[in-house]
Amino acid sequence: MNTALAGGTFDLDPLTQREREVMQLIAEGKSNKEVAQQLDVSVKTVESHRRNLMVKLDIHETASIVRHAMKLGLIQL
């Protein structure tokens, strides 16, 4: 979803569907290897998605991934 802001666009959800899936699985405590197996992709692909979502969201540690996933309603405690 994009919203016009001062003549430009602001992306309210910068993540791809796959990045959200990776975020959810990481937030559930799965390792990169477990995520790769569940999504039927390579570990390198998971690492790339993880790196991309962290850059897009300016997140620097796994705990912040968990907090953001909770905020998006991807996981619950």
PDB file of N, CA and C in Angstrom:
ATOM      1  N   MET A   1       0.848  -1.170   0.000  1.00  0.00           N
ATOM      2  CA  MET A   1       0.000   0.000   0.000  1.00  0.00           C
ATOM      3  C   MET A   1       0.892   1.231   0.000  1.00  0.00           C
ATOM      4  N   ASN A   2       0.656   2.146  -0.890  1.00  0.00           N
ATOM      5  CA  ASN A   2       1.421   3.386  -0.975  1.00  0.00           C
ATOM      6  C   ASN A   2       0.529   4.557  -0.635  1.00  0.00           C
ATOM      7  N   THR A   3       1.102   5.545   0.014  1.00  0.00           N
ATOM      8  CA  THR A   3       0.386   6.759   0.365  1.00  0.00           C
ATOM      9  C   THR A   3       1.206   7.935  -0.137  1.00  0.00           C
ATOM     10  N   ALA A   4       0.557   8.880  -0.810  1.00  0.00           N
ATOM     11  CA  ALA A   4       1.265  10.069  -1.270  1.00  0.00           C
ATOM     12  C   ALA A   4       1.682  10.895  -0.062  1.00  0.00           C
ATOM     13  N   LEU A   5       2.901  11.379  -0.099  1.00  0.00           N
ATOM     14  CA  LEU A   5       3.412  12.173   1.011  1.00  0.00           C
ATOM     15  C   LEU A   5       4.349  13.226   0.448  1.00  0.00           C
ATOM     16  N   ALA A   6       3.965  14.486   0.522  1.00  0.00           N
ATOM     17  CA  ALA A   6       4.793  15.607   0.057  1.00  0.00           C
ATOM     18  C   ALA A   6       5.270  15.400  -1.377  1.00  0.00           C
ATOM     19  N   GLY A   7       4.353  15.006  -2.262  1.00  0.00           N
ATOM     20  CA  GLY A   7       4.703  14.871  -3.659  1.00  0.00           C
ATOM     21  C   GLY A   7       5.374  13.556  -4.015  1.00  0.00           C
ATOM     22  N   GLY A   8       5.674  12.718  -3.025  1.00  0.00           N
ATOM     23  CA  GLY A   8       6.313  11.429  -3.278  1.00  0.00           C
ATOM     24  C   GLY A   8       5.432  10.314  -2.795  1.00  0.00           C
ATOM     25  N   THR A   9       5.984   9.145  -2.750  1.00  0.00           N
ATOM     26  CA  THR A   9       5.212   8.032  -2.205  1.00  0.00           C
ATOM     27  C   THR A   9       5.930   7.473  -1.000  1.00  0.00           C
ATOM     28  N   PHE A  10       5.164   6.983  -0.083  1.00  0.00           N
ATOM     29  CA  PHE A  10       5.683   6.379   1.131  1.00  0.00           C
ATOM     30  C   PHE A  10       5.114   4.974   1.195  1.00  0.00           C
ATOM     31  N   ASP A  11       5.981   4.002   1.205  1.00  0.00           N
ATOM     32  CA  ASP A  11       5.553   2.612   1.224  1.00  0.00           C
ATOM     33  C   ASP A  11       5.303   2.180   2.661  1.00  0.00           C
ATOM     34  N   LEU A  12       4.038   1.915   2.993  1.00  0.00           N
ATOM     35  CA  LEU A  12       3.694   1.515   4.356  1.00  0.00           C
ATOM     36  C   LEU A  12       4.136   0.093   4.653  1.00  0.00           C
ATOM     37  N   ASP A  13       4.304  -0.727   3.632  1.00  0.00           N
ATOM     38  CA  ASP A  13       4.732  -2.106   3.821  1.00  0.00           C
ATOM     39  C   ASP A  13       5.839  -2.414   2.813  1.00  0.00           C
ATOM     40  N   PRO A  14       7.077  -2.116   3.193  1.00  0.00           N
ATOM     41  CA  PRO A  14       8.178  -2.272   2.246  1.00  0.00           C
ATOM     42  C   PRO A  14       8.590  -3.720   2.000  1.00  0.00           C
ATOM     43  N   LEU A  15       8.085  -4.656   2.811  1.00  0.00           N
ATOM     44  CA  LEU A  15       8.518  -6.047   2.707  1.00  0.00           C
ATOM     45  C   LEU A  15       7.729  -6.818   1.656  1.00  0.00           C
ATOM     46  N   THR A  16       8.412  -7.742   1.009  1.00  0.00           N
ATOM     47  CA  THR A  16       7.739  -8.658   0.101  1.00  0.00           C
ATOM     48  C   THR A  16       7.030  -9.725   0.928  1.00  0.00           C
ATOM     49  N   GLN A  17       6.154 -10.463   0.288  1.00  0.00           N
ATOM     50  CA  GLN A  17       5.461 -11.550   0.977  1.00  0.00           C
ATOM     51  C   GLN A  17       6.466 -12.556   1.532  1.00  0.00           C
ATOM     52  N   ARG A  18       7.487 -12.882   0.751  1.00  0.00           N
ATOM     53  CA  ARG A  18       8.497 -13.856   1.192  1.00  0.00           C
ATOM     54  C   ARG A  18       9.290 -13.329   2.380  1.00  0.00           C
ATOM     55  N   GLU A  19       9.617 -12.034   2.374  1.00  0.00           N
ATOM     56  CA  GLU A  19      10.330 -11.452   3.514  1.00  0.00           C
ATOM     57  C   GLU A  19       9.473 -11.519   4.769  1.00  0.00           C
ATOM     58  N   ARG A  20       8.166 -11.297   4.628  1.00  0.00           N
ATOM     59  CA  ARG A  20       7.264 -11.428   5.791  1.00  0.00           C
ATOM     60  C   ARG A  20       7.237 -12.873   6.288  1.00  0.00           C
ATOM     61  N   GLU A  21       7.226 -13.828   5.365  1.00  0.00           N
ATOM     62  CA  GLU A  21       7.240 -15.238   5.759  1.00  0.00           C
ATOM     63  C   GLU A  21       8.519 -15.569   6.517  1.00  0.00           C
ATOM     64  N   VAL A  22       9.646 -15.103   5.997  1.00  0.00           N
ATOM     65  CA  VAL A  22      10.935 -15.343   6.653  1.00  0.00           C
ATOM     66  C   VAL A  22      10.940 -14.682   8.025  1.00  0.00           C
ATOM     67  N   MET A  23      10.433 -13.450   8.111  1.00  0.00           N
ATOM     68  CA  MET A  23      10.373 -12.756   9.394  1.00  0.00           C
ATOM     69  C   MET A  23       9.550 -13.540  10.403  1.00  0.00           C
ATOM     70  N   GLN A  24       8.403 -14.034   9.977  1.00  0.00           N
ATOM     71  CA  GLN A  24       7.536 -14.781  10.880  1.00  0.00           C
ATOM     72  C   GLN A  24       8.242 -16.029  11.403  1.00  0.00           C
ATOM     73  N   LEU A  25       8.879 -16.771  10.521  1.00  0.00           N
ATOM     74  CA  LEU A  25       9.541 -18.005  10.933  1.00  0.00           C
ATOM     75  C   LEU A  25      10.731 -17.729  11.849  1.00  0.00           C
ATOM     76  N   ILE A  26      11.481 -16.676  11.560  1.00  0.00           N
ATOM     77  CA  ILE A  26      12.592 -16.296  12.439  1.00  0.00           C
ATOM     78  C   ILE A  26      12.050 -15.895  13.804  1.00  0.00           C
ATOM     79  N   ALA A  27      10.976 -15.117  13.802  1.00  0.00           N
ATOM     80  CA  ALA A  27      10.371 -14.669  15.059  1.00  0.00           C
ATOM     81  C   ALA A  27       9.824 -15.842  15.864  1.00  0.00           C
ATOM     82  N   GLU A  28       9.455 -16.921  15.184  1.00  0.00           N
ATOM     83  CA  GLU A  28       8.991 -18.128  15.871  1.00  0.00           C
ATOM     84  C   GLU A  28      10.154 -18.939  16.435  1.00  0.00           C
ATOM     85  N   GLY A  29      11.379 -18.475  16.187  1.00  0.00           N
ATOM     86  CA  GLY A  29      12.548 -19.131  16.763  1.00  0.00           C
ATOM     87  C   GLY A  29      13.244 -20.120  15.848  1.00  0.00           C
ATOM     88  N   LYS A  30      12.845 -20.156  14.593  1.00  0.00           N
ATOM     89  CA  LYS A  30      13.462 -21.096  13.663  1.00  0.00           C
ATOM     90  C   LYS A  30      14.819 -20.575  13.191  1.00  0.00           C
ATOM     91  N   SER A  31      15.750 -21.497  12.965  1.00  0.00           N
ATOM     92  CA  SER A  31      17.066 -21.147  12.436  1.00  0.00           C
ATOM     93  C   SER A  31      16.958 -20.905  10.927  1.00  0.00           C
ATOM     94  N   ASN A  32      17.996 -20.329  10.349  1.00  0.00           N
ATOM     95  CA  ASN A  32      18.006 -20.129   8.896  1.00  0.00           C
ATOM     96  C   ASN A  32      17.834 -21.460   8.170  1.00  0.00           C
ATOM     97  N   LYS A  33      18.470 -22.495   8.679  1.00  0.00           N
ATOM     98  CA  LYS A  33      18.371 -23.820   8.053  1.00  0.00           C
ATOM     99  C   LYS A  33      16.936 -24.348   8.120  1.00  0.00           C
ATOM    100  N   GLU A  34      16.283 -24.182   9.260  1.00  0.00           N
ATOM    101  CA  GLU A  34      14.891 -24.630   9.406  1.00  0.00           C
ATOM    102  C   GLU A  34      13.953 -23.839   8.504  1.00  0.00           C
ATOM    103  N   VAL A  35      14.189 -22.525   8.407  1.00  0.00           N
ATOM    104  CA  VAL A  35      13.379 -21.685   7.522  1.00  0.00           C
ATOM    105  C   VAL A  35      13.557 -22.153   6.086  1.00  0.00           C
ATOM    106  N   ALA A  36      14.800 -22.400   5.686  1.00  0.00           N
ATOM    107  CA  ALA A  36      15.086 -22.849   4.320  1.00  0.00           C
ATOM    108  C   ALA A  36      14.362 -24.158   4.017  1.00  0.00           C
ATOM    109  N   GLN A  37      14.399 -25.088   4.947  1.00  0.00           N
ATOM    110  CA  GLN A  37      13.727 -26.372   4.746  1.00  0.00           C
ATOM    111  C   GLN A  37      12.220 -26.187   4.629  1.00  0.00           C
ATOM    112  N   GLN A  38      11.646 -25.358   5.477  1.00  0.00           N
ATOM    113  CA  GLN A  38      10.198 -25.161   5.468  1.00  0.00           C
ATOM    114  C   GLN A  38       9.743 -24.474   4.186  1.00  0.00           C
ATOM    115  N   LEU A  39      10.534 -23.518   3.680  1.00  0.00           N
ATOM    116  CA  LEU A  39      10.148 -22.773   2.483  1.00  0.00           C
ATOM    117  C   LEU A  39      10.691 -23.400   1.204  1.00  0.00           C
ATOM    118  N   ASP A  40      11.442 -24.481   1.346  1.00  0.00           N
ATOM    119  CA  ASP A  40      12.028 -25.187   0.204  1.00  0.00           C
ATOM    120  C   ASP A  40      12.916 -24.272  -0.643  1.00  0.00           C
ATOM    121  N   VAL A  41      13.795 -23.549   0.057  1.00  0.00           N
ATOM    122  CA  VAL A  41      14.789 -22.696  -0.587  1.00  0.00           C
ATOM    123  C   VAL A  41      16.139 -22.966   0.073  1.00  0.00           C
ATOM    124  N   SER A  42      17.196 -22.379  -0.474  1.00  0.00           N
ATOM    125  CA  SER A  42      18.519 -22.576   0.114  1.00  0.00           C
ATOM    126  C   SER A  42      18.704 -21.682   1.339  1.00  0.00           C
ATOM    127  N   VAL A  43      19.655 -22.063   2.171  1.00  0.00           N
ATOM    128  CA  VAL A  43      19.993 -21.252   3.342  1.00  0.00           C
ATOM    129  C   VAL A  43      20.473 -19.876   2.885  1.00  0.00           C
ATOM    130  N   LYS A  44      21.219 -19.827   1.787  1.00  0.00           N
ATOM    131  CA  LYS A  44      21.703 -18.548   1.251  1.00  0.00           C
ATOM    132  C   LYS A  44      20.528 -17.634   0.886  1.00  0.00           C
ATOM    133  N   THR A  45      19.468 -18.204   0.336  1.00  0.00           N
ATOM    134  CA  THR A  45      18.286 -17.415  -0.014  1.00  0.00           C
ATOM    135  C   THR A  45      17.636 -16.851   1.241  1.00  0.00           C
ATOM    136  N   VAL A  46      17.538 -17.654   2.274  1.00  0.00           N
ATOM    137  CA  VAL A  46      16.979 -17.184   3.549  1.00  0.00           C
ATOM    138  C   VAL A  46      17.846 -16.063   4.105  1.00  0.00           C
ATOM    139  N   GLU A  47      19.163 -16.246   4.059  1.00  0.00           N
ATOM    140  CA  GLU A  47      20.075 -15.210   4.550  1.00  0.00           C
ATOM    141  C   GLU A  47      19.878 -13.908   3.776  1.00  0.00           C
ATOM    142  N   SER A  48      19.663 -14.001   2.475  1.00  0.00           N
ATOM    143  CA  SER A  48      19.428 -12.804   1.656  1.00  0.00           C
ATOM    144  C   SER A  48      18.123 -12.117   2.041  1.00  0.00           C
ATOM    145  N   HIS A  49      17.044 -12.899   2.202  1.00  0.00           N
ATOM    146  CA  HIS A  49      15.755 -12.318   2.613  1.00  0.00           C
ATOM    147  C   HIS A  49      15.880 -11.670   3.985  1.00  0.00           C
ATOM    148  N   ARG A  50      16.566 -12.342   4.896  1.00  0.00           N
ATOM    149  CA  ARG A  50      16.749 -11.815   6.249  1.00  0.00           C
ATOM    150  C   ARG A  50      17.523 -10.495   6.202  1.00  0.00           C
ATOM    151  N   ARG A  51      18.598 -10.478   5.455  1.00  0.00           N
ATOM    152  CA  ARG A  51      19.409  -9.265   5.315  1.00  0.00           C
ATOM    153  C   ARG A  51      18.581  -8.130   4.695  1.00  0.00           C
ATOM    154  N   ASN A  52      17.816  -8.446   3.635  1.00  0.00           N
ATOM    155  CA  ASN A  52      16.996  -7.430   2.976  1.00  0.00           C
ATOM    156  C   ASN A  52      15.947  -6.844   3.907  1.00  0.00           C
ATOM    157  N   LEU A  53      15.262  -7.689   4.668  1.00  0.00           N
ATOM    158  CA  LEU A  53      14.224  -7.170   5.556  1.00  0.00           C
ATOM    159  C   LEU A  53      14.835  -6.336   6.674  1.00  0.00           C
ATOM    160  N   MET A  54      16.015  -6.732   7.140  1.00  0.00           N
ATOM    161  CA  MET A  54      16.668  -5.959   8.194  1.00  0.00           C
ATOM    162  C   MET A  54      17.093  -4.587   7.681  1.00  0.00           C
ATOM    163  N   VAL A  55      17.571  -4.518   6.447  1.00  0.00           N
ATOM    164  CA  VAL A  55      17.952  -3.234   5.851  1.00  0.00           C
ATOM    165  C   VAL A  55      16.714  -2.372   5.637  1.00  0.00           C
ATOM    166  N   LYS A  56      15.672  -2.954   5.053  1.00  0.00           N
ATOM    167  CA  LYS A  56      14.448  -2.187   4.774  1.00  0.00           C
ATOM    168  C   LYS A  56      13.830  -1.611   6.041  1.00  0.00           C
ATOM    169  N   LEU A  57      13.907  -2.361   7.134  1.00  0.00           N
ATOM    170  CA  LEU A  57      13.269  -1.930   8.386  1.00  0.00           C
ATOM    171  C   LEU A  57      14.242  -1.274   9.354  1.00  0.00           C
ATOM    172  N   ASP A  58      15.513  -1.167   8.948  1.00  0.00           N
ATOM    173  CA  ASP A  58      16.562  -0.607   9.804  1.00  0.00           C
ATOM    174  C   ASP A  58      16.606  -1.345  11.141  1.00  0.00           C
ATOM    175  N   ILE A  59      16.636  -2.669  11.050  1.00  0.00           N
ATOM    176  CA  ILE A  59      16.699  -3.556  12.208  1.00  0.00           C
ATOM    177  C   ILE A  59      18.095  -4.162  12.246  1.00  0.00           C
ATOM    178  N   HIS A  60      18.645  -4.294  13.462  1.00  0.00           N
ATOM    179  CA  HIS A  60      20.034  -4.736  13.569  1.00  0.00           C
ATOM    180  C   HIS A  60      20.240  -6.007  14.380  1.00  0.00           C
ATOM    181  N   GLU A  61      19.172  -6.557  14.957  1.00  0.00           N
ATOM    182  CA  GLU A  61      19.321  -7.795  15.715  1.00  0.00           C
ATOM    183  C   GLU A  61      18.015  -8.592  15.674  1.00  0.00           C
ATOM    184  N   THR A  62      18.130  -9.863  15.980  1.00  0.00           N
ATOM    185  CA  THR A  62      16.989 -10.780  15.898  1.00  0.00           C
ATOM    186  C   THR A  62      15.853 -10.357  16.829  1.00  0.00           C
ATOM    187  N   ALA A  63      16.186  -9.844  17.999  1.00  0.00           N
ATOM    188  CA  ALA A  63      15.137  -9.427  18.941  1.00  0.00           C
ATOM    189  C   ALA A  63      14.231  -8.363  18.305  1.00  0.00           C
ATOM    190  N   SER A  64      14.809  -7.491  17.516  1.00  0.00           N
ATOM    191  CA  SER A  64      14.008  -6.458  16.844  1.00  0.00           C
ATOM    192  C   SER A  64      13.124  -7.061  15.755  1.00  0.00           C
ATOM    193  N   ILE A  65      13.592  -8.140  15.122  1.00  0.00           N
ATOM    194  CA  ILE A  65      12.756  -8.848  14.149  1.00  0.00           C
ATOM    195  C   ILE A  65      11.524  -9.390  14.855  1.00  0.00           C
ATOM    196  N   VAL A  66      11.726  -9.978  16.025  1.00  0.00           N
ATOM    197  CA  VAL A  66      10.608 -10.533  16.802  1.00  0.00           C
ATOM    198  C   VAL A  66       9.631  -9.425  17.187  1.00  0.00           C
ATOM    199  N   ARG A  67      10.150  -8.313  17.683  1.00  0.00           N
ATOM    200  CA  ARG A  67       9.270  -7.199  18.086  1.00  0.00           C
ATOM    201  C   ARG A  67       8.469  -6.681  16.886  1.00  0.00           C
ATOM    202  N   HIS A  68       9.134  -6.540  15.743  1.00  0.00           N
ATOM    203  CA  HIS A  68       8.440  -6.033  14.559  1.00  0.00           C
ATOM    204  C   HIS A  68       7.384  -7.037  14.083  1.00  0.00           C
ATOM    205  N   ALA A  69       7.704  -8.317  14.121  1.00  0.00           N
ATOM    206  CA  ALA A  69       6.733  -9.346  13.723  1.00  0.00           C
ATOM    207  C   ALA A  69       5.511  -9.307  14.639  1.00  0.00           C
ATOM    208  N   MET A  70       5.729  -9.081  15.927  1.00  0.00           N
ATOM    209  CA  MET A  70       4.607  -8.969  16.862  1.00  0.00           C
ATOM    210  C   MET A  70       3.763  -7.744  16.530  1.00  0.00           C
ATOM    211  N   LYS A  71       4.418  -6.647  16.218  1.00  0.00           N
ATOM    212  CA  LYS A  71       3.712  -5.412  15.894  1.00  0.00           C
ATOM    213  C   LYS A  71       2.840  -5.594  14.641  1.00  0.00           C
ATOM    214  N   LEU A  72       3.336  -6.388  13.679  1.00  0.00           N
ATOM    215  CA  LEU A  72       2.588  -6.659  12.453  1.00  0.00           C
ATOM    216  C   LEU A  72       1.525  -7.731  12.644  1.00  0.00           C
ATOM    217  N   GLY A  73       1.513  -8.379  13.820  1.00  0.00           N
ATOM    218  CA  GLY A  73       0.542  -9.442  14.077  1.00  0.00           C
ATOM    219  C   GLY A  73       0.911 -10.768  13.440  1.00  0.00           C
ATOM    220  N   LEU A  74       2.194 -10.932  13.074  1.00  0.00           N
ATOM    221  CA  LEU A  74       2.632 -12.184  12.472  1.00  0.00           C
ATOM    222  C   LEU A  74       2.805 -13.289  13.495  1.00  0.00           C
ATOM    223  N   ILE A  75       3.087 -12.893  14.740  1.00  0.00           N
ATOM    224  CA  ILE A  75       3.208 -13.861  15.831  1.00  0.00           C
ATOM    225  C   ILE A  75       2.542 -13.274  17.072  1.00  0.00           C
ATOM    226  N   GLN A  76       2.222 -14.138  17.994  1.00  0.00           N
ATOM    227  CA  GLN A  76       1.660 -13.723  19.278  1.00  0.00           C
ATOM    228  C   GLN A  76       2.353 -14.512  20.373  1.00  0.00           C
ATOM    229  N   LEU A  77       2.450 -13.919  21.534  1.00  0.00           N
ATOM    230  CA  LEU A  77       3.039 -14.616  22.674  1.00  0.00           C
ATOM    231  C   LEU A  77       1.977 -15.191  23.559  1.00  0.00           C
TER     232      LEU A  77
END
